[in-house]
């Protein structure tokens, strides 16, 4: 093992960790923004219903959201051409130093964001 390969591994680990921190930080900010927008939307709807300006049948949005979640779950579990073997090959080709340091970076960025 020479110095050049060690520095290459170090750069891979450090770079992917830094990228993971940035991804985690940005992801948390986006999730917060979406949560605020959706919360304000539902608060507005509830206020309008309380003032009896509109009448909302809450069973319909619940049923629509359940159908959407079910459809997304079925679509992601039935991706054509993706088997456990291909997923394992994709993960091993991605590289352990890159994935482990990036996942740690995403976790730290998400916690600090």
Protein backbone atom coordinates (compact mmCIF):
# COMPACT_ATOMS: atom_id res chain seq x y z
CA UNK A 1 0.00 0.00 0.00
CA UNK A 2 1.62 3.22 -1.13
CA UNK A 3 1.05 6.81 -0.12
CA UNK A 4 -0.88 7.62 -3.30
CA UNK A 5 -3.58 5.01 -2.67
CA UNK A 6 -3.92 6.09 0.97
CA UNK A 7 -4.41 9.72 -0.04
CA UNK A 8 -6.95 8.64 -2.68
CA UNK A 9 -8.95 6.71 -0.08
CA UNK A 10 -8.71 9.64 2.34
CA UNK A 11 -9.98 12.06 -0.30
CA UNK A 12 -12.87 9.72 -1.12
CA UNK A 13 -13.87 9.38 2.51
CA UNK A 14 -13.49 13.09 3.30
CA UNK A 15 -15.19 14.29 0.14
CA UNK A 16 -18.16 11.99 0.49
CA UNK A 17 -18.53 12.91 4.17
CA UNK A 18 -18.59 16.62 3.30
CA UNK A 19 -21.08 16.00 0.47
CA UNK A 20 -23.22 13.96 2.87
CA UNK A 21 -23.26 16.79 5.42
CA UNK A 22 -24.40 19.22 2.74
CA UNK A 23 -27.07 16.82 1.48
CA UNK A 24 -28.37 16.16 5.00
CA UNK A 25 -28.45 19.86 5.86
CA UNK A 26 -30.32 20.76 2.67
CA UNK A 27 -32.69 17.83 3.08
CA UNK A 28 -33.69 18.93 6.57
CA UNK A 29 -34.30 22.51 5.40
CA UNK A 30 -36.52 21.30 2.56
CA UNK A 31 -38.46 18.98 4.88
CA UNK A 32 -39.03 21.85 7.34
CA UNK A 33 -40.23 24.16 4.58
CA UNK A 34 -42.64 21.57 3.18
CA UNK A 35 -43.96 20.83 6.68
CA UNK A 36 -44.63 24.52 7.33
CA UNK A 37 -46.40 25.01 3.99
CA UNK A 38 -48.57 21.91 4.41
CA UNK A 39 -49.34 22.81 8.02
CA UNK A 40 -50.39 26.35 7.09
CA UNK A 41 -52.56 24.98 4.29
CA UNK A 42 -54.40 22.62 6.63
CA UNK A 43 -54.67 25.32 9.31
CA UNK A 44 -56.27 27.61 6.75
CA UNK A 45 -58.71 24.91 5.71
CA UNK A 46 -59.67 24.22 9.32
CA UNK A 47 -60.14 27.92 10.00
CA UNK A 48 -62.40 28.28 6.97
CA UNK A 49 -64.39 25.26 8.08
CA UNK A 50 -64.66 26.67 11.62
CA UNK A 51 -66.00 29.94 10.21
CA UNK A 52 -68.46 27.84 8.15
CA UNK A 53 -67.21 29.35 4.91
CA UNK A 54 -66.46 25.92 3.46
CA UNK A 55 -67.54 22.40 4.33
CA UNK A 56 -64.88 19.71 4.11
CA UNK A 57 -65.57 16.00 4.03
CA UNK A 58 -62.35 14.85 5.75
CA UNK A 59 -62.95 11.21 4.73
CA UNK A 60 -62.21 11.97 1.07
CA UNK A 61 -58.72 13.48 1.63
CA UNK A 62 -57.90 10.62 3.98
CA UNK A 63 -58.98 8.04 1.43
CA UNK A 64 -57.07 9.81 -1.36
CA UNK A 65 -53.88 9.96 0.70
CA UNK A 66 -54.19 6.28 1.63
CA UNK A 67 -54.64 5.35 -2.03
CA UNK A 68 -51.61 7.45 -2.99
CA UNK A 69 -49.42 5.83 -0.34
CA UNK A 70 -50.57 2.37 -1.40
CA UNK A 71 -49.85 3.13 -5.06
CA UNK A 72 -46.37 4.47 -4.26
CA UNK A 73 -45.59 1.45 -2.08
CA UNK A 74 -46.66 -0.94 -4.83
CA UNK A 75 -44.71 0.98 -7.47
CA UNK A 76 -41.47 0.97 -5.50
CA UNK A 77 -41.63 -2.71 -4.60
CA UNK A 78 -42.30 -3.79 -8.18
CA UNK A 79 -39.55 -2.00 -10.10
CA UNK A 80 -38.83 -4.15 -13.18
CA UNK A 81 -35.32 -5.51 -13.49
CA UNK A 82 -34.36 -4.81 -9.90
CA UNK A 83 -33.68 -7.89 -7.86
CA UNK A 84 -31.84 -8.36 -4.60
CA UNK A 85 -28.77 -9.49 -6.55
CA UNK A 86 -28.60 -6.32 -8.66
CA UNK A 87 -29.16 -4.13 -5.61
CA UNK A 88 -26.30 -5.89 -3.82
CA UNK A 89 -24.02 -5.40 -6.84
CA UNK A 90 -24.90 -1.71 -7.02
CA UNK A 91 -24.08 -1.23 -3.35
CA UNK A 92 -20.75 -3.08 -3.55
CA UNK A 93 -19.74 -1.16 -6.68
CA UNK A 94 -20.54 2.14 -4.95
CA UNK A 95 -17.71 1.55 -2.51
CA UNK A 96 -17.76 1.03 1.24
CA UNK A 97 -15.67 4.12 2.17
CA UNK A 98 -17.91 6.33 0.05
CA UNK A 99 -21.23 4.99 1.34
CA UNK A 100 -20.28 4.75 5.00
CA UNK A 101 -18.82 8.24 5.24
CA UNK A 102 -21.61 9.75 3.15
CA UNK A 103 -24.30 8.15 5.28
CA UNK A 104 -22.61 9.44 8.42
CA UNK A 105 -22.37 12.88 6.83
CA UNK A 106 -26.07 12.85 5.89
CA UNK A 107 -26.99 11.87 9.46
CA UNK A 108 -24.85 14.65 10.98
CA UNK A 109 -26.07 17.23 8.46
CA UNK A 110 -29.68 16.26 9.09
CA UNK A 111 -29.22 16.52 12.85
CA UNK A 112 -27.42 19.87 12.71
CA UNK A 113 -29.69 21.41 10.06
